C-alpha atoms as a PDB file:
ATOM      1  CA  MET A   1       6.620  12.924  -0.425  1.00  0.00           C
ATOM      2  CA  LEU A   2       7.019   9.277   0.525  1.00  0.00           C
ATOM      3  CA  LYS A   3      10.181   7.625  -0.665  1.00  0.00           C
ATOM      4  CA  GLU A   4      11.214   4.025  -0.696  1.00  0.00           C
ATOM      5  CA  GLN A   5      14.208   4.911   1.450  1.00  0.00           C
ATOM      6  CA  GLY A   6      11.853   5.886   4.172  1.00  0.00           C
ATOM      7  CA  ILE A   7      10.182   2.498   4.194  1.00  0.00           C
ATOM      8  CA  ARG A   8      13.711   0.877   4.275  1.00  0.00           C
ATOM      9  CA  GLU A   9      14.743   2.973   7.344  1.00  0.00           C
ATOM     10  CA  TYR A  10      11.482   2.203   9.090  1.00  0.00           C
ATOM     11  CA  LEU A  11      11.921  -1.479   8.583  1.00  0.00           C
ATOM     12  CA  ASN A  12      15.505  -1.577   9.436  1.00  0.00           C
ATOM     13  CA  LYS A  13      14.709   0.136  12.785  1.00  0.00           C
ATOM     14  CA  LYS A  14      12.163  -2.448  13.545  1.00  0.00           C
ATOM     15  CA  ASP A  15      14.718  -5.240  12.451  1.00  0.00           C
ATOM     16  CA  ILE A  16      12.428  -6.341   9.615  1.00  0.00           C
ATOM     17  CA  ALA A  17      13.721  -7.704   6.260  1.00  0.00           C
ATOM     18  CA  PHE A  18      13.613  -5.164   3.398  1.00  0.00           C
ATOM     19  CA  ASN A  19      13.865  -5.831  -0.344  1.00  0.00           C
ATOM     20  CA  GLU A  20      14.867  -2.998  -2.639  1.00  0.00           C
ATOM     21  CA  ASN A  21      12.473  -2.186  -5.556  1.00  0.00           C
ATOM     22  CA  SER A  22       9.736  -4.265  -4.034  1.00  0.00           C
ATOM     23  CA  SER A  23       7.579  -1.669  -2.246  1.00  0.00           C
ATOM     24  CA  ILE A  24       4.179  -0.413  -3.218  1.00  0.00           C
ATOM     25  CA  ILE A  25       1.367   1.480  -1.734  1.00  0.00           C
ATOM     26  CA  GLY A  26      -2.134  -0.082  -1.024  1.00  0.00           C
ATOM     27  CA  VAL A  27      -5.327   1.291  -0.004  1.00  0.00           C
ATOM     28  CA  ILE A  28      -8.241  -0.312   2.166  1.00  0.00           C
ATOM     29  CA  PHE A  29     -11.343   1.453   1.313  1.00  0.00           C
ATOM     30  CA  PRO A  30     -14.034   2.095   3.906  1.00  0.00           C
ATOM     31  CA  SER A  31     -17.178  -0.049   4.105  1.00  0.00           C
ATOM     32  CA  LYS A  32     -20.236   0.748   2.041  1.00  0.00           C
ATOM     33  CA  PHE A  33     -21.960   2.049   5.274  1.00  0.00           C
ATOM     34  CA  THR A  34     -19.328   4.758   5.565  1.00  0.00           C
ATOM     35  CA  TYR A  35     -19.956   6.027   2.026  1.00  0.00           C
ATOM     36  CA  ALA A  36     -23.502   6.677   3.150  1.00  0.00           C
ATOM     37  CA  LEU A  37     -22.186   8.999   5.897  1.00  0.00           C
ATOM     38  CA  GLY A  38     -20.819  11.323   3.237  1.00  0.00           C
ATOM     39  CA  PRO A  39     -17.507  12.336   1.599  1.00  0.00           C
ATOM     40  CA  ILE A  40     -15.761  13.599   4.754  1.00  0.00           C
ATOM     41  CA  ALA A  41     -16.329  10.400   6.632  1.00  0.00           C
ATOM     42  CA  THR A  42     -15.305   8.328   3.513  1.00  0.00           C
ATOM     43  CA  ALA A  43     -11.980  10.378   3.057  1.00  0.00           C
ATOM     44  CA  LEU A  44     -11.129   9.902   6.825  1.00  0.00           C
ATOM     45  CA  SER A  45     -11.800   6.256   6.731  1.00  0.00           C
ATOM     46  CA  MET A  46      -9.366   5.379   3.937  1.00  0.00           C
ATOM     47  CA  GLN A  47      -6.388   3.504   5.084  1.00  0.00           C
ATOM     48  CA  TYR A  48      -3.073   3.686   3.202  1.00  0.00           C
ATOM     49  CA  TYR A  49      -0.302   1.167   3.674  1.00  0.00           C
ATOM     50  CA  ALA A  50       3.281   0.770   2.386  1.00  0.00           C
ATOM     51  CA  ILE A  51       3.827  -2.882   1.500  1.00  0.00           C
ATOM     52  CA  ASN A  52       7.265  -4.432   0.986  1.00  0.00           C
ATOM     53  CA  PHE A  53       7.826  -7.881  -0.484  1.00  0.00           C
ATOM     54  CA  SER A  54      10.857  -9.727   0.716  1.00  0.00           C
ATOM     55  CA  ASP A  55      12.234 -13.352   0.947  1.00  0.00           C
ATOM     56  CA  SER A  56      11.162 -13.266   4.650  1.00  0.00           C
ATOM     57  CA  GLY A  57       7.685 -12.303   3.996  1.00  0.00           C
ATOM     58  CA  ILE A  58       5.568  -9.235   3.466  1.00  0.00           C
ATOM     59  CA  ALA A  59       5.814  -6.087   5.716  1.00  0.00           C
ATOM     60  CA  ILE A  60       2.796  -3.849   5.871  1.00  0.00           C
ATOM     61  CA  ILE A  61       3.165  -0.363   7.339  1.00  0.00           C
ATOM     62  CA  GLY A  62       0.303   1.946   8.101  1.00  0.00           C
ATOM     63  CA  LEU A  63       0.719   5.519   6.484  1.00  0.00           C
ATOM     64  CA  ASN A  64      -0.882   8.812   7.046  1.00  0.00           C
ATOM     65  CA  ASN A  65      -1.589  11.793   4.780  1.00  0.00           C
ATOM     66  CA  VAL A  66      -1.016   9.886   1.365  1.00  0.00           C
ATOM     67  CA  THR A  67      -3.295  10.569  -1.595  1.00  0.00           C
ATOM     68  CA  GLY A  68      -3.715   8.527  -4.726  1.00  0.00           C
ATOM     69  CA  ASN A  69      -5.079   9.103  -8.095  1.00  0.00           C
ATOM     70  CA  LYS A  70      -8.361   7.056  -8.105  1.00  0.00           C
ATOM     71  CA  LYS A  71      -8.996   7.670 -11.819  1.00  0.00           C
ATOM     72  CA  LEU A  72      -6.431   5.171 -12.866  1.00  0.00           C
ATOM     73  CA  MET A  73      -6.901   1.605 -13.144  1.00  0.00           C
ATOM     74  CA  SER A  74      -5.949  -0.339  -9.941  1.00  0.00           C
ATOM     75  CA  TYR A  75      -5.218  -3.974  -8.887  1.00  0.00           C
ATOM     76  CA  GLU A  76      -6.527  -5.810  -5.959  1.00  0.00           C
ATOM     77  CA  LEU A  77      -3.990  -7.348  -3.669  1.00  0.00           C
ATOM     78  CA  GLU A  78      -5.367  -9.960  -1.107  1.00  0.00           C
ATOM     79  CA  ILE A  79      -3.161 -11.255   1.789  1.00  0.00           C
ATOM     80  CA  SER A  80      -4.532 -14.072   3.711  1.00  0.00           C
ATOM     81  CA  THR A  81      -3.438 -14.753   7.224  1.00  0.00           C
ATOM     82  CA  SER A  82      -4.538 -17.153   9.999  1.00  0.00           C
ATOM     83  CA  LYS A  83      -6.540 -14.081  11.408  1.00  0.00           C
ATOM     84  CA  GLY A  84      -8.217 -13.131   8.143  1.00  0.00           C
ATOM     85  CA  THR A  85      -7.903 -11.649   4.788  1.00  0.00           C
ATOM     86  CA  LEU A  86      -6.568  -8.021   4.056  1.00  0.00           C
ATOM     87  CA  ALA A  87      -7.808  -6.589   0.622  1.00  0.00           C
ATOM     88  CA  PHE A  88      -5.844  -3.640  -0.779  1.00  0.00           C
ATOM     89  CA  LYS A  89      -6.535  -1.546  -3.898  1.00  0.00           C
ATOM     90  CA  VAL A  90      -3.083  -0.866  -5.472  1.00  0.00           C
ATOM     91  CA  ASN A  91      -3.121   2.017  -8.055  1.00  0.00           C
ATOM     92  CA  LYS A  92      -0.744   1.873 -11.033  1.00  0.00           C
ATOM     93  CA  THR A  93       0.742   5.176  -9.848  1.00  0.00           C
ATOM     94  CA  MET A  94       0.628   7.105  -6.640  1.00  0.00           C
ATOM     95  CA  VAL A  95       1.110  10.827  -6.316  1.00  0.00           C
ATOM     96  CA  GLY A  96       4.240  11.628  -4.189  1.00  0.00           C
ATOM     97  CA  ALA A  97       5.704   8.082  -4.704  1.00  0.00           C
ATOM     98  CA  SER A  98       7.402   8.156  -8.080  1.00  0.00           C
ATOM     99  CA  TRP A  99       8.999   4.746  -7.323  1.00  0.00           C
ATOM    100  CA  HIS A 100       5.689   2.953  -6.785  1.00  0.00           C
ATOM    101  CA  LYS A 101       4.948   2.387 -10.667  1.00  0.00           C
ATOM    102  CA  GLU A 102       8.314   0.771 -11.495  1.00  0.00           C
ATOM    103  CA  ASN A 103       8.128  -1.330  -8.249  1.00  0.00           C
ATOM    104  CA  LEU A 104       4.709  -2.585  -9.043  1.00  0.00           C
ATOM    105  CA  ALA A 105       5.766  -3.736 -12.479  1.00  0.00           C
ATOM    106  CA  THR A 106       8.746  -5.604 -10.950  1.00  0.00           C
ATOM    107  CA  ILE A 107       6.550  -7.236  -8.484  1.00  0.00           C
ATOM    108  CA  LEU A 108       3.958  -8.276 -11.075  1.00  0.00           C
ATOM    109  CA  LYS A 109       6.490  -9.864 -13.228  1.00  0.00           C
ATOM    110  CA  SER A 110       7.659 -11.965 -10.348  1.00  0.00           C
ATOM    111  CA  LEU A 111       4.189 -13.397  -9.784  1.00  0.00           C
END
């Protein structure tokens, strides 16, 4: 189970700013071509990220072995950089990350 404390510890080790109750999990889905290769290729191509919003910026951490509930409505988060745009699907809730739902509501209120 992923906990927000784990995100804090990871960012602290990397000397990157962390903001409490400002972490969510986002998913980058595979390309349409990957879907044609079948469900196994599709599942292996999904990329999960922990995203933390702080006054210093946005920290994005690649995750492994995280599953989400795709039946729920999700938001799309786009982060534009000088090297391109990252587009994440952000579910309202995430299995194994009970803090995600409350943090997402907090982040959405601040926008």
